[in-house]
Amino acid sequence: MARRSVQFWRIEQLNGDELSRPFPARRVAEVLKKAQDAGTDRRFTSVDGTVLLAQALASSPYPVVLLDRVRDTNLPSVGDALGRRKPLPLAPGDHLLETTYFAFMKRNVIAVLTSGNGPRASRMGEYLGGMLGLEPSLVPVVREDIEEILTRLEVSRFEFALPAERLSGKLMEGEWADVLESASRLVNEGTFRISLSVGRSGKAEDKQRIRDRIQQLIDLFRQAGSVEHFDYVVAEGKDSLTGDREVVDLLKERFISHIEVDPDVFNDPQKSVAEAVSILTKQARDNEAFFARTLPDIKGSADPGQVPEMVAGGMAAAREAVAGARGKAEAHEGAGHELVRG
């Protein structure tokens, strides 16, 4: 099994304005699907040269869109059992696709199923801006019920990091103060990181004792002052209600759900789509009550008129096409006047 993560983001603004109505995600999916069926070139090249390509996967119960990073340079190699290397066996015109899946949910929340290589969430904003003239501003969904989460969490790992120059026992109390003070005498450059985990071996009662101890240390950590000096503080474990793996960011009070997937399924182009839609639908269902409790309700209906038809080359090509059409119309009108005057 392989681990994937599901992040949650919210569309807070659209084209620079506060978004007080639903984002027209269903219309976006329809436009993408229409462009796919028509064979329209949907590739978009961002400012840094990254090539992105989107396609609609599903529209019910939530619109789901796949976003690929398209690569045709700096490709990995393949090799045999003896390590003999050769290029990836790509046919002429083929590219390497690295994928992230996006589900557009209620309250303008986007669930993002990621892998290590797929585009990050902000790339969807770049793509929609470049191809459809929609510029969504994405903010992470913040967990306000962190006490409830930590109560349910069967913690298995606690990890934190801070710059070496900030190491000081004054940041903490008790045992943590001793740890940081000792570390300050060992390093004065770089980043100092500590990770405590249950581990895989040992008896169940021993593991539970370690979990209890880690939980105690987390509680002490959260009660300490000056936590803002830390760069990274997370607790990881299994949600005792849903069974999902969760990573709780104790600095930002946001979480990332971790799921176990069959790598063979996600390497199959056909099966991976159905699996991704299933995972994102379940995540939307499992977290709907939380979003309803913590996020503002979005009134009204989406405005499909905000989403134009897709033109190959993106909005720049669309604007050129409109300008060209206007020019022809003006020329035609001018010619008509000349004929009338003649």
Foldseek 3Di string as FASTA:
>chain_A
DDKWWKFKKAQQAKPPHGDQFAAPLLLVQVLQAVCVVVVFALWDQDPVGWIKHKHWQDPPPWTKMKIWGWADPPDDWDDDPVRDTDHDPDDPPDTDTAIKMWTQAFNRMIIIIHDPPGDDPCVVQVSCCFWWVIRTDMDGDAAPVLVVQLVQFLWFKKKFKAFLCPQALLQADDPVSVVSNVSNVVDNGDMDMDMQGLDDDDDPVSSSVSSVVVSVVVVRNLPTPPPVRTDFIWIWGARNPPRWIKIATSVRNGIMTMDDDDVVQCVDVVSVSVVVVVVVVVVCVVCVVVCVVPHDHRDDHHDSVSGDRGHHRHPVVVVVVVVVVVVVVVVVVVVVVVVVVD
